[in-house]
Amino acid sequence: MTAQGPSATSLPIAKRRRGDGQYISPIARTALAELGAALHAGMQLRRAWLAVGAVCLVDWVYAGSIGLTLTHYTVLRAVMIVLVCTTVAVRVAFPTARFAAITEVVALWLAFAQSNNLFSYLTATPALPLRDDFLAQLDRMLGFDWRAVFGFVQAHQLVAHVLSVCYFSLIPEAFALGILLVWTRRQDRVQELFWVAFLSSMMTSVIAGCIPALGAFPHYGMPASAPYLHNLQELRSGVGLRFSLLDMPGAVQFPSYHATLALLMMYVVRGMRTVGVAVVLWNLMMLVSTVPIGGHYLVDVIGGVGVLLLSIAAYRWAPGFSRTSGDVRYGVRARGAAAR
């Protein structure tokens, strides 16, 4: 009896046993893609935590060397512990759960906001000569009348109220946008938002320390409109360096970090259609509000644009960061892409 060749139905099975990738089932390919994307996302967030931790270490060492102390950090520490523990517990139980990713991003942004805000305070302590006259002169050279713009906004209370809401929505919006990007599984944009914000924050703080200014409000005789002024004057004097984490308004004038983040949030929602349109419109109003509500000079805003462009370039050219397409999501890969 002659031996028969393999049947038509047994041939694919034999190929699958030899590990031919062409015959791996779509379910297995999707599972492998999800696992790989989750591990890659975790690696990138570990880098973000290391960067924030490095800033915290610099803050701690430098603050201790100049005698700066902080109060009311117990609440923040408790919130951070709860968020980190929740993240770890959920991620262990459900490795690709979006809820764990959201809590981790919220915890990361809390740590980033506090550590980098303190870093901006520390860079103000060298107390170099103020450059308000120079910045105001640049505004005039550009043909910009700061008093006229401020007077117009104050004369129209509805405009002033809307711009004020936009201006003070910066931090809540940054958190909300981070959560939205995680929920919609846009891992590439989560990374981009954090790292560009981080790089631009560091750059802004260093520049502000080298080119210090009190801002347009005190320069034009309206110090009561500058809630940060008392803290900034204490930092420059080196006396009474005791601040509450619950009351540390941003003290950076040039370049405007508000302008940088407003433009960054418009940038990271590119191609997102409906949500993108809403974010762009809102942040355009925030950008306008930086002058009459935030007390910035126009050149502060222009400087913020420059900082953003440099930070985006640094992020794109830095080795080791993800340059993924929209198919790569936070913790999972789109099933359609995984099955290709």
C-alpha atoms as a PDB file:
ATOM      1  CA  MET A   1       0.000   0.000   0.000  1.00  0.00           C
ATOM      2  CA  THR A   2       1.481   3.294  -1.036  1.00  0.00           C
ATOM      3  CA  ALA A   3       1.762   6.103   1.497  1.00  0.00           C
ATOM      4  CA  GLN A   4      -0.642   8.917   0.884  1.00  0.00           C
ATOM      5  CA  GLY A   5       0.474  12.567   0.974  1.00  0.00           C
ATOM      6  CA  PRO A   6      -0.946  14.944   3.504  1.00  0.00           C
ATOM      7  CA  SER A   7      -4.547  15.848   2.979  1.00  0.00           C
ATOM      8  CA  ALA A   8      -5.605  19.349   1.998  1.00  0.00           C
ATOM      9  CA  THR A   9      -7.038  19.936   5.445  1.00  0.00           C
ATOM     10  CA  SER A  10      -3.909  18.836   7.321  1.00  0.00           C
ATOM     11  CA  LEU A  11      -1.488  21.084   5.446  1.00  0.00           C
ATOM     12  CA  PRO A  12      -2.379  24.372   7.195  1.00  0.00           C
ATOM     13  CA  ILE A  13      -2.228  22.611  10.560  1.00  0.00           C
ATOM     14  CA  ALA A  14       1.271  21.373   9.806  1.00  0.00           C
ATOM     15  CA  LYS A  15       2.326  24.863   8.815  1.00  0.00           C
ATOM     16  CA  ARG A  16       0.878  26.315  11.964  1.00  0.00           C
ATOM     17  CA  ARG A  17       2.864  23.784  14.007  1.00  0.00           C
ATOM     18  CA  ARG A  18       6.038  24.912  12.292  1.00  0.00           C
ATOM     19  CA  GLY A  19       5.293  28.446  13.549  1.00  0.00           C
ATOM     20  CA  ASP A  20       4.518  30.062  10.184  1.00  0.00           C
ATOM     21  CA  GLY A  21       3.375  33.541  11.235  1.00  0.00           C
ATOM     22  CA  GLN A  22       1.018  33.701   8.283  1.00  0.00           C
ATOM     23  CA  TYR A  23      -1.217  31.110   9.922  1.00  0.00           C
ATOM     24  CA  ILE A  24      -1.307  32.442  13.500  1.00  0.00           C
ATOM     25  CA  SER A  25      -4.949  32.936  14.406  1.00  0.00           C
ATOM     26  CA  PRO A  26      -6.266  36.546  14.478  1.00  0.00           C
ATOM     27  CA  ILE A  27      -7.138  36.155  18.187  1.00  0.00           C
ATOM     28  CA  ALA A  28      -3.565  35.136  19.072  1.00  0.00           C
ATOM     29  CA  ARG A  29      -2.096  37.929  16.978  1.00  0.00           C
ATOM     30  CA  THR A  30      -4.371  40.466  18.675  1.00  0.00           C
ATOM     31  CA  ALA A  31      -3.451  39.181  22.146  1.00  0.00           C
ATOM     32  CA  LEU A  32       0.276  39.406  21.352  1.00  0.00           C
ATOM     33  CA  ALA A  33      -0.130  42.912  19.948  1.00  0.00           C
ATOM     34  CA  GLU A  34      -2.054  44.022  23.055  1.00  0.00           C
ATOM     35  CA  LEU A  35       0.606  42.584  25.370  1.00  0.00           C
ATOM     36  CA  GLY A  36       3.423  44.240  23.449  1.00  0.00           C
ATOM     37  CA  ALA A  37       1.676  47.602  23.356  1.00  0.00           C
ATOM     38  CA  ALA A  38       0.922  47.397  27.095  1.00  0.00           C
ATOM     39  CA  LEU A  39       4.557  46.640  27.931  1.00  0.00           C
ATOM     40  CA  HIS A  40       5.726  49.457  25.666  1.00  0.00           C
ATOM     41  CA  ALA A  41       3.296  51.908  27.303  1.00  0.00           C
ATOM     42  CA  GLY A  42       4.483  50.914  30.759  1.00  0.00           C
ATOM     43  CA  MET A  43       8.117  51.432  29.757  1.00  0.00           C
ATOM     44  CA  GLN A  44       7.368  54.937  28.507  1.00  0.00           C
ATOM     45  CA  LEU A  45       5.479  55.903  31.676  1.00  0.00           C
ATOM     46  CA  ARG A  46       8.358  54.654  33.810  1.00  0.00           C
ATOM     47  CA  ARG A  47      10.570  57.115  31.997  1.00  0.00           C
ATOM     48  CA  ALA A  48       8.069  59.869  32.756  1.00  0.00           C
ATOM     49  CA  TRP A  49       8.056  58.944  36.461  1.00  0.00           C
ATOM     50  CA  LEU A  50      11.858  58.918  36.480  1.00  0.00           C
ATOM     51  CA  ALA A  51      11.916  62.407  34.937  1.00  0.00           C
ATOM     52  CA  VAL A  52       9.462  63.749  37.520  1.00  0.00           C
ATOM     53  CA  GLY A  53      11.413  62.026  40.285  1.00  0.00           C
ATOM     54  CA  ALA A  54      14.630  63.669  39.095  1.00  0.00           C
ATOM     55  CA  VAL A  55      12.978  67.105  39.291  1.00  0.00           C
ATOM     56  CA  CYS A  56      11.678  66.286  42.793  1.00  0.00           C
ATOM     57  CA  LEU A  57      15.215  65.375  43.866  1.00  0.00           C
ATOM     58  CA  VAL A  58      16.596  68.658  42.503  1.00  0.00           C
ATOM     59  CA  ASP A  59      13.781  70.550  44.241  1.00  0.00           C
ATOM     60  CA  TRP A  60      14.482  68.833  47.562  1.00  0.00           C
ATOM     61  CA  VAL A  61      18.243  69.394  47.471  1.00  0.00           C
ATOM     62  CA  TYR A  62      18.096  73.012  46.292  1.00  0.00           C
ATOM     63  CA  ALA A  63      15.166  73.988  48.535  1.00  0.00           C
ATOM     64  CA  GLY A  64      17.011  72.573  51.539  1.00  0.00           C
ATOM     65  CA  SER A  65      20.170  74.463  50.665  1.00  0.00           C
ATOM     66  CA  ILE A  66      18.382  77.852  50.668  1.00  0.00           C
ATOM     67  CA  GLY A  67      16.029  77.128  53.579  1.00  0.00           C
ATOM     68  CA  LEU A  68      12.788  76.992  51.571  1.00  0.00           C
ATOM     69  CA  THR A  69      10.032  75.007  53.305  1.00  0.00           C
ATOM     70  CA  LEU A  70       6.637  73.752  52.152  1.00  0.00           C
ATOM     71  CA  THR A  71       3.410  73.259  54.095  1.00  0.00           C
ATOM     72  CA  HIS A  72       0.081  71.503  53.464  1.00  0.00           C
ATOM     73  CA  TYR A  73       1.606  68.645  51.520  1.00  0.00           C
ATOM     74  CA  THR A  74      -0.220  65.946  53.530  1.00  0.00           C
ATOM     75  CA  VAL A  75      -3.356  66.065  51.373  1.00  0.00           C
ATOM     76  CA  LEU A  76      -1.372  65.874  48.147  1.00  0.00           C
ATOM     77  CA  ARG A  77       0.685  62.974  49.482  1.00  0.00           C
ATOM     78  CA  ALA A  78      -2.476  61.082  50.522  1.00  0.00           C
ATOM     79  CA  VAL A  79      -4.063  61.591  47.098  1.00  0.00           C
ATOM     80  CA  MET A  80      -0.886  60.419  45.376  1.00  0.00           C
ATOM     81  CA  ILE A  81      -0.712  57.274  47.530  1.00  0.00           C
ATOM     82  CA  VAL A  82      -4.340  56.400  46.777  1.00  0.00           C
ATOM     83  CA  LEU A  83      -3.892  56.937  43.029  1.00  0.00           C
ATOM     84  CA  VAL A  84      -0.655  54.951  42.808  1.00  0.00           C
ATOM     85  CA  CYS A  85      -2.015  52.057  44.897  1.00  0.00           C
ATOM     86  CA  THR A  86      -5.194  51.968  42.806  1.00  0.00           C
ATOM     87  CA  THR A  87      -3.146  51.978  39.616  1.00  0.00           C
ATOM     88  CA  VAL A  88      -0.963  49.079  40.777  1.00  0.00           C
ATOM     89  CA  ALA A  89      -3.912  47.018  42.031  1.00  0.00           C
ATOM     90  CA  VAL A  90      -6.003  47.443  38.890  1.00  0.00           C
ATOM     91  CA  ARG A  91      -3.049  46.910  36.563  1.00  0.00           C
ATOM     92  CA  VAL A  92      -2.134  43.652  38.305  1.00  0.00           C
ATOM     93  CA  ALA A  93      -5.713  42.385  38.096  1.00  0.00           C
ATOM     94  CA  PHE A  94      -6.454  43.712  34.608  1.00  0.00           C
ATOM     95  CA  PRO A  95      -3.177  44.484  32.756  1.00  0.00           C
ATOM     96  CA  THR A  96      -4.847  46.427  29.911  1.00  0.00           C
ATOM     97  CA  ALA A  97      -7.611  48.143  31.903  1.00  0.00           C
ATOM     98  CA  ARG A  98      -8.084  51.779  30.973  1.00  0.00           C
ATOM     99  CA  PHE A  99      -9.082  52.710  34.523  1.00  0.00           C
ATOM    100  CA  ALA A 100      -5.590  51.842  35.773  1.00  0.00           C
ATOM    101  CA  ALA A 101      -4.091  53.896  32.971  1.00  0.00           C
ATOM    102  CA  ILE A 102      -6.273  56.877  33.868  1.00  0.00           C
ATOM    103  CA  THR A 103      -5.351  56.803  37.571  1.00  0.00           C
ATOM    104  CA  GLU A 104      -1.675  56.535  36.673  1.00  0.00           C
ATOM    105  CA  VAL A 105      -1.856  59.512  34.307  1.00  0.00           C
ATOM    106  CA  VAL A 106      -3.688  61.597  36.920  1.00  0.00           C
ATOM    107  CA  ALA A 107      -1.066  60.724  39.548  1.00  0.00           C
ATOM    108  CA  LEU A 108       1.728  61.508  37.097  1.00  0.00           C
ATOM    109  CA  TRP A 109       0.265  64.909  36.220  1.00  0.00           C
ATOM    110  CA  LEU A 110      -0.230  65.775  39.888  1.00  0.00           C
ATOM    111  CA  ALA A 111       3.399  64.981  40.646  1.00  0.00           C
ATOM    112  CA  PHE A 112       4.562  66.809  37.526  1.00  0.00           C
ATOM    113  CA  ALA A 113       2.505  69.942  38.268  1.00  0.00           C
ATOM    114  CA  GLN A 114       3.753  70.274  41.845  1.00  0.00           C
ATOM    115  CA  SER A 115       7.410  69.404  41.223  1.00  0.00           C
ATOM    116  CA  ASN A 116       7.793  71.654  38.197  1.00  0.00           C
ATOM    117  CA  ASN A 117       5.910  74.527  39.814  1.00  0.00           C
ATOM    118  CA  LEU A 118       8.321  74.356  42.752  1.00  0.00           C
ATOM    119  CA  PHE A 119      11.231  74.199  40.298  1.00  0.00           C
ATOM    120  CA  SER A 120      10.007  77.445  38.712  1.00  0.00           C
ATOM    121  CA  TYR A 121       9.972  79.033  42.174  1.00  0.00           C
ATOM    122  CA  LEU A 122      13.534  77.920  42.832  1.00  0.00           C
ATOM    123  CA  THR A 123      14.830  79.344  39.557  1.00  0.00           C
ATOM    124  CA  ALA A 124      13.552  82.771  40.695  1.00  0.00           C
ATOM    125  CA  THR A 125      15.735  82.840  43.819  1.00  0.00           C
ATOM    126  CA  PRO A 126      18.955  84.123  42.174  1.00  0.00           C
ATOM    127  CA  ALA A 127      17.083  87.460  41.861  1.00  0.00           C
ATOM    128  CA  LEU A 128      18.742  88.740  38.708  1.00  0.00           C
ATOM    129  CA  PRO A 129      17.836  92.299  37.593  1.00  0.00           C
ATOM    130  CA  LEU A 130      14.195  92.676  36.533  1.00  0.00           C
ATOM    131  CA  ARG A 131      13.572  93.104  32.815  1.00  0.00           C
ATOM    132  CA  ASP A 132      10.023  94.520  32.830  1.00  0.00           C
ATOM    133  CA  ASP A 133      11.089  97.775  31.177  1.00  0.00           C
ATOM    134  CA  PHE A 134      12.760  95.846  28.370  1.00  0.00           C
ATOM    135  CA  LEU A 135       9.742  93.555  27.815  1.00  0.00           C
ATOM    136  CA  ALA A 136       7.315  96.498  27.827  1.00  0.00           C
ATOM    137  CA  GLN A 137       9.551  98.300  25.337  1.00  0.00           C
ATOM    138  CA  LEU A 138       9.438  95.277  23.021  1.00  0.00           C
ATOM    139  CA  ASP A 139       5.635  95.401  23.177  1.00  0.00           C
ATOM    140  CA  ARG A 140       5.681  99.050  22.132  1.00  0.00           C
ATOM    141  CA  MET A 141       8.101  98.297  19.297  1.00  0.00           C
ATOM    142  CA  LEU A 142       5.574  95.747  18.032  1.00  0.00           C
ATOM    143  CA  GLY A 143       2.866  98.420  18.160  1.00  0.00           C
ATOM    144  CA  PHE A 144       1.027  96.718  21.008  1.00  0.00           C
ATOM    145  CA  ASP A 145      -0.772  98.916  23.546  1.00  0.00           C
ATOM    146  CA  TRP A 146      -1.160  96.808  26.693  1.00  0.00           C
ATOM    147  CA  ARG A 147      -3.181  99.419  28.588  1.00  0.00           C
ATOM    148  CA  ALA A 148      -5.678  99.740  25.744  1.00  0.00           C
ATOM    149  CA  VAL A 149      -6.258  95.964  25.582  1.00  0.00           C
ATOM    150  CA  PHE A 150      -6.650  95.689  29.352  1.00  0.00           C
ATOM    151  CA  GLY A 151      -9.000  98.678  29.442  1.00  0.00           C
ATOM    152  CA  PHE A 152     -11.185  97.224  26.690  1.00  0.00           C
ATOM    153  CA  VAL A 153     -11.568  93.891  28.487  1.00  0.00           C
ATOM    154  CA  GLN A 154     -12.357  95.555  31.816  1.00  0.00           C
ATOM    155  CA  ALA A 155     -14.995  97.725  30.150  1.00  0.00           C
ATOM    156  CA  HIS A 156     -16.816  94.616  28.881  1.00  0.00           C
ATOM    157  CA  GLN A 157     -17.613  92.433  31.868  1.00  0.00           C
ATOM    158  CA  LEU A 158     -18.911  89.496  29.850  1.00  0.00           C
ATOM    159  CA  VAL A 159     -15.677  89.365  27.859  1.00  0.00           C
ATOM    160  CA  ALA A 160     -13.664  89.647  31.071  1.00  0.00           C
ATOM    161  CA  HIS A 161     -15.640  86.812  32.714  1.00  0.00           C
ATOM    162  CA  VAL A 162     -15.318  84.444  29.730  1.00  0.00           C
ATOM    163  CA  LEU A 163     -11.597  85.088  29.386  1.00  0.00           C
ATOM    164  CA  SER A 164     -11.110  84.647  33.135  1.00  0.00           C
ATOM    165  CA  VAL A 165     -12.832  81.249  33.057  1.00  0.00           C
ATOM    166  CA  CYS A 166     -10.675  80.207  30.100  1.00  0.00           C
ATOM    167  CA  TYR A 167      -7.459  81.381  31.743  1.00  0.00           C
ATOM    168  CA  PHE A 168      -8.015  79.577  35.047  1.00  0.00           C
ATOM    169  CA  SER A 169      -9.167  76.362  33.341  1.00  0.00           C
ATOM    170  CA  LEU A 170      -5.620  75.472  32.309  1.00  0.00           C
ATOM    171  CA  ILE A 171      -4.869  72.813  34.940  1.00  0.00           C
ATOM    172  CA  PRO A 172      -8.313  71.115  34.890  1.00  0.00           C
ATOM    173  CA  GLU A 173      -8.206  71.048  31.096  1.00  0.00           C
ATOM    174  CA  ALA A 174      -4.741  69.479  31.031  1.00  0.00           C
ATOM    175  CA  PHE A 175      -5.936  66.697  33.357  1.00  0.00           C
ATOM    176  CA  ALA A 176      -9.158  66.216  31.375  1.00  0.00           C
ATOM    177  CA  LEU A 177      -7.287  66.059  28.078  1.00  0.00           C
ATOM    178  CA  GLY A 178      -4.847  63.500  29.459  1.00  0.00           C
ATOM    179  CA  ILE A 179      -7.769  61.339  30.622  1.00  0.00           C
ATOM    180  CA  LEU A 180      -9.503  61.730  27.243  1.00  0.00           C
ATOM    181  CA  LEU A 181      -6.407  60.619  25.358  1.00  0.00           C
ATOM    182  CA  VAL A 182      -6.083  57.559  27.597  1.00  0.00           C
ATOM    183  CA  TRP A 183      -9.773  56.703  27.233  1.00  0.00           C
ATOM    184  CA  THR A 184      -9.593  56.952  23.446  1.00  0.00           C
ATOM    185  CA  ARG A 185      -6.441  54.780  23.526  1.00  0.00           C
ATOM    186  CA  ARG A 186      -4.122  57.335  21.924  1.00  0.00           C
ATOM    187  CA  GLN A 187      -0.866  56.297  23.536  1.00  0.00           C
ATOM    188  CA  ASP A 188       1.236  58.359  21.146  1.00  0.00           C
ATOM    189  CA  ARG A 189      -0.616  61.544  22.127  1.00  0.00           C
ATOM    190  CA  VAL A 190      -0.418  60.732  25.870  1.00  0.00           C
ATOM    191  CA  GLN A 191       3.348  60.519  25.528  1.00  0.00           C
ATOM    192  CA  GLU A 192       3.543  63.650  23.397  1.00  0.00           C
ATOM    193  CA  LEU A 193       1.404  65.742  25.751  1.00  0.00           C
ATOM    194  CA  PHE A 194       3.425  64.822  28.821  1.00  0.00           C
ATOM    195  CA  TRP A 195       6.924  65.062  27.386  1.00  0.00           C
ATOM    196  CA  VAL A 196       6.418  68.308  25.482  1.00  0.00           C
ATOM    197  CA  ALA A 197       4.772  69.835  28.579  1.00  0.00           C
ATOM    198  CA  PHE A 198       7.665  68.593  30.718  1.00  0.00           C
ATOM    199  CA  LEU A 199      10.399  69.860  28.398  1.00  0.00           C
ATOM    200  CA  SER A 200       8.719  73.221  27.887  1.00  0.00           C
ATOM    201  CA  SER A 201       8.181  73.627  31.637  1.00  0.00           C
ATOM    202  CA  MET A 202      11.855  73.086  32.379  1.00  0.00           C
ATOM    203  CA  MET A 203      12.879  75.420  29.569  1.00  0.00           C
ATOM    204  CA  THR A 204      10.391  78.088  30.670  1.00  0.00           C
ATOM    205  CA  SER A 205      11.594  78.009  34.287  1.00  0.00           C
ATOM    206  CA  VAL A 206      15.245  78.372  33.325  1.00  0.00           C
ATOM    207  CA  ILE A 207      14.561  81.250  30.910  1.00  0.00           C
ATOM    208  CA  ALA A 208      12.356  82.984  33.489  1.00  0.00           C
ATOM    209  CA  GLY A 209      15.165  82.762  36.019  1.00  0.00           C
ATOM    210  CA  CYS A 210      17.577  84.361  33.548  1.00  0.00           C
ATOM    211  CA  ILE A 211      15.119  87.037  32.353  1.00  0.00           C
ATOM    212  CA  PRO A 212      13.000  87.729  35.468  1.00  0.00           C
ATOM    213  CA  ALA A 213      10.007  90.059  35.434  1.00  0.00           C
ATOM    214  CA  LEU A 214       7.192  90.985  37.788  1.00  0.00           C
ATOM    215  CA  GLY A 215       4.679  91.172  34.962  1.00  0.00           C
ATOM    216  CA  ALA A 216       2.500  93.767  33.293  1.00  0.00           C
ATOM    217  CA  PHE A 217       0.133  94.255  36.253  1.00  0.00           C
ATOM    218  CA  PRO A 218       2.699  95.728  38.664  1.00  0.00           C
ATOM    219  CA  HIS A 219       4.586  97.390  35.818  1.00  0.00           C
ATOM    220  CA  TYR A 220       1.501  99.385  34.819  1.00  0.00           C
ATOM    221  CA  GLY A 221       0.509 100.167  38.398  1.00  0.00           C
ATOM    222  CA  MET A 222      -1.955  97.362  39.176  1.00  0.00           C
ATOM    223  CA  PRO A 223      -0.172  95.118  41.707  1.00  0.00           C
ATOM    224  CA  ALA A 224      -3.452  93.997  43.312  1.00  0.00           C
ATOM    225  CA  SER A 225      -4.255  92.071  40.112  1.00  0.00           C
ATOM    226  CA  ALA A 226      -1.161  89.869  40.462  1.00  0.00           C
ATOM    227  CA  PRO A 227      -1.822  87.047  43.007  1.00  0.00           C
ATOM    228  CA  TYR A 228       1.665  85.636  42.446  1.00  0.00           C
ATOM    229  CA  LEU A 229       3.445  88.911  43.257  1.00  0.00           C
ATOM    230  CA  HIS A 230       3.855  88.357  47.023  1.00  0.00           C
ATOM    231  CA  ASN A 231       5.434  84.911  46.516  1.00  0.00           C
ATOM    232  CA  LEU A 232       7.722  86.166  43.767  1.00  0.00           C
ATOM    233  CA  GLN A 233       8.951  89.076  45.888  1.00  0.00           C
ATOM    234  CA  GLU A 234       9.669  86.699  48.777  1.00  0.00           C
ATOM    235  CA  LEU A 235      11.647  84.429  46.462  1.00  0.00           C
ATOM    236  CA  ARG A 236      13.721  87.342  45.218  1.00  0.00           C
ATOM    237  CA  SER A 237      14.332  88.697  48.712  1.00  0.00           C
ATOM    238  CA  GLY A 238      15.381  85.339  50.148  1.00  0.00           C
ATOM    239  CA  VAL A 239      13.413  86.089  53.348  1.00  0.00           C
ATOM    240  CA  GLY A 240      10.483  84.054  54.703  1.00  0.00           C
ATOM    241  CA  LEU A 241      10.765  81.248  52.170  1.00  0.00           C
ATOM    242  CA  ARG A 242       7.751  79.304  53.441  1.00  0.00           C
ATOM    243  CA  PHE A 243       5.019  78.373  50.953  1.00  0.00           C
ATOM    244  CA  SER A 244       1.878  76.261  50.939  1.00  0.00           C
ATOM    245  CA  LEU A 245       1.428  73.677  48.200  1.00  0.00           C
ATOM    246  CA  LEU A 246      -2.231  74.717  48.170  1.00  0.00           C
ATOM    247  CA  ASP A 247      -1.338  78.339  47.392  1.00  0.00           C
ATOM    248  CA  MET A 248       1.503  78.476  44.884  1.00  0.00           C
ATOM    249  CA  PRO A 249       0.280  80.415  41.828  1.00  0.00           C
ATOM    250  CA  GLY A 250       2.566  80.342  38.836  1.00  0.00           C
ATOM    251  CA  ALA A 251       5.220  83.041  39.051  1.00  0.00           C
ATOM    252  CA  VAL A 252       6.734  82.772  35.563  1.00  0.00           C
ATOM    253  CA  GLN A 253       6.239  85.798  33.305  1.00  0.00           C
ATOM    254  CA  PHE A 254       8.588  85.457  30.347  1.00  0.00           C
ATOM    255  CA  PRO A 255       8.035  83.220  28.496  1.00  0.00           C
ATOM    256  CA  SER A 256       4.351  82.504  29.121  1.00  0.00           C
ATOM    257  CA  TYR A 257       3.820  78.847  30.071  1.00  0.00           C
ATOM    258  CA  HIS A 258       0.080  79.449  29.783  1.00  0.00           C
ATOM    259  CA  ALA A 259       0.564  80.262  26.112  1.00  0.00           C
ATOM    260  CA  THR A 260       2.791  77.211  25.637  1.00  0.00           C
ATOM    261  CA  LEU A 261       0.269  74.792  27.137  1.00  0.00           C
ATOM    262  CA  ALA A 262      -2.695  76.363  25.344  1.00  0.00           C
ATOM    263  CA  LEU A 263      -0.963  75.826  22.009  1.00  0.00           C
ATOM    264  CA  LEU A 264       0.250  72.356  23.024  1.00  0.00           C
ATOM    265  CA  MET A 265      -3.275  71.196  23.826  1.00  0.00           C
ATOM    266  CA  MET A 266      -4.422  72.424  20.425  1.00  0.00           C
ATOM    267  CA  TYR A 267      -1.529  70.549  18.844  1.00  0.00           C
ATOM    268  CA  VAL A 268      -2.134  67.158  20.459  1.00  0.00           C
ATOM    269  CA  VAL A 269      -5.793  66.989  19.339  1.00  0.00           C
ATOM    270  CA  ARG A 270      -4.928  67.382  15.663  1.00  0.00           C
ATOM    271  CA  GLY A 271      -7.053  65.091  13.519  1.00  0.00           C
ATOM    272  CA  MET A 272      -9.589  64.402  16.311  1.00  0.00           C
ATOM    273  CA  ARG A 273     -12.433  66.261  14.548  1.00  0.00           C
ATOM    274  CA  THR A 274     -15.257  67.255  16.914  1.00  0.00           C
ATOM    275  CA  VAL A 275     -13.243  67.148  20.129  1.00  0.00           C
ATOM    276  CA  GLY A 276     -10.345  68.828  18.385  1.00  0.00           C
ATOM    277  CA  VAL A 277     -12.480  71.738  17.205  1.00  0.00           C
ATOM    278  CA  ALA A 278     -13.814  72.357  20.734  1.00  0.00           C
ATOM    279  CA  VAL A 279     -10.324  72.197  22.260  1.00  0.00           C
ATOM    280  CA  VAL A 280      -8.890  74.558  19.648  1.00  0.00           C
ATOM    281  CA  LEU A 281     -11.647  77.155  20.098  1.00  0.00           C
ATOM    282  CA  TRP A 282     -11.361  77.040  23.898  1.00  0.00           C
ATOM    283  CA  ASN A 283      -7.588  77.343  23.898  1.00  0.00           C
ATOM    284  CA  LEU A 284      -7.607  80.184  21.407  1.00  0.00           C
ATOM    285  CA  MET A 285      -9.617  82.124  23.998  1.00  0.00           C
ATOM    286  CA  MET A 286      -7.161  81.004  26.679  1.00  0.00           C
ATOM    287  CA  LEU A 287      -4.316  82.295  24.530  1.00  0.00           C
ATOM    288  CA  VAL A 288      -6.028  85.684  24.255  1.00  0.00           C
ATOM    289  CA  SER A 289      -6.659  85.746  28.016  1.00  0.00           C
ATOM    290  CA  THR A 290      -2.955  85.519  28.898  1.00  0.00           C
ATOM    291  CA  VAL A 291      -2.510  89.273  28.359  1.00  0.00           C
ATOM    292  CA  PRO A 292      -5.521  90.967  30.058  1.00  0.00           C
ATOM    293  CA  ILE A 293      -6.228  88.238  32.670  1.00  0.00           C
ATOM    294  CA  GLY A 294      -2.781  86.723  33.246  1.00  0.00           C
ATOM    295  CA  GLY A 295      -0.947  90.041  33.180  1.00  0.00           C
ATOM    296  CA  HIS A 296       1.534  88.920  30.529  1.00  0.00           C
ATOM    297  CA  TYR A 297       3.252  91.118  28.006  1.00  0.00           C
ATOM    298  CA  LEU A 298       2.648  90.261  24.370  1.00  0.00           C
ATOM    299  CA  VAL A 299       6.290  89.219  24.025  1.00  0.00           C
ATOM    300  CA  ASP A 300       5.689  86.703  26.843  1.00  0.00           C
ATOM    301  CA  VAL A 301       3.163  84.980  24.582  1.00  0.00           C
ATOM    302  CA  ILE A 302       5.525  85.082  21.613  1.00  0.00           C
ATOM    303  CA  GLY A 303       8.235  83.587  23.822  1.00  0.00           C
ATOM    304  CA  GLY A 304       5.838  80.815  24.831  1.00  0.00           C
ATOM    305  CA  VAL A 305       5.308  79.969  21.156  1.00  0.00           C
ATOM    306  CA  GLY A 306       9.059  79.689  20.678  1.00  0.00           C
ATOM    307  CA  VAL A 307       9.416  77.429  23.713  1.00  0.00           C
ATOM    308  CA  LEU A 308       6.699  75.117  22.378  1.00  0.00           C
ATOM    309  CA  LEU A 309       8.351  74.815  18.966  1.00  0.00           C
ATOM    310  CA  LEU A 310      11.722  74.003  20.532  1.00  0.00           C
ATOM    311  CA  SER A 311      10.142  71.436  22.882  1.00  0.00           C
ATOM    312  CA  ILE A 312       8.283  69.688  20.063  1.00  0.00           C
ATOM    313  CA  ALA A 313      11.494  69.544  18.036  1.00  0.00           C
ATOM    314  CA  ALA A 314      13.404  68.144  21.024  1.00  0.00           C
ATOM    315  CA  TYR A 315      10.743  65.482  21.610  1.00  0.00           C
ATOM    316  CA  ARG A 316      10.654  64.424  17.971  1.00  0.00           C
ATOM    317  CA  TRP A 317      14.416  64.179  17.661  1.00  0.00           C
ATOM    318  CA  ALA A 318      15.132  62.606  21.058  1.00  0.00           C
ATOM    319  CA  PRO A 319      16.091  58.915  20.778  1.00  0.00           C
ATOM    320  CA  GLY A 320      13.973  56.208  22.349  1.00  0.00           C
ATOM    321  CA  PHE A 321      10.535  57.800  22.192  1.00  0.00           C
ATOM    322  CA  SER A 322       7.536  56.400  20.373  1.00  0.00           C
ATOM    323  CA  ARG A 323       6.802  57.676  16.872  1.00  0.00           C
ATOM    324  CA  THR A 324       3.743  55.506  16.467  1.00  0.00           C
ATOM    325  CA  SER A 325       0.734  56.026  14.279  1.00  0.00           C
ATOM    326  CA  GLY A 326      -2.795  56.514  15.498  1.00  0.00           C
ATOM    327  CA  ASP A 327      -3.315  52.726  15.590  1.00  0.00           C
ATOM    328  CA  VAL A 328      -1.182  52.375  18.712  1.00  0.00           C
ATOM    329  CA  ARG A 329      -3.298  52.931  21.786  1.00  0.00           C
ATOM    330  CA  TYR A 330      -2.775  53.148  25.525  1.00  0.00           C
ATOM    331  CA  GLY A 331      -2.354  49.594  26.727  1.00  0.00           C
ATOM    332  CA  VAL A 332      -3.885  47.978  23.640  1.00  0.00           C
ATOM    333  CA  ARG A 333      -3.580  48.082  19.883  1.00  0.00           C
ATOM    334  CA  ALA A 334      -6.591  48.569  17.695  1.00  0.00           C
ATOM    335  CA  ARG A 335      -7.879  45.130  16.719  1.00  0.00           C
ATOM    336  CA  GLY A 336      -8.062  45.999  13.083  1.00  0.00           C
ATOM    337  CA  ALA A 337      -4.408  46.955  13.069  1.00  0.00           C
ATOM    338  CA  ALA A 338      -3.394  43.885  15.078  1.00  0.00           C
ATOM    339  CA  ALA A 339      -5.108  41.540  12.638  1.00  0.00           C
ATOM    340  CA  ARG A 340      -3.304  42.878   9.578  1.00  0.00           C
END
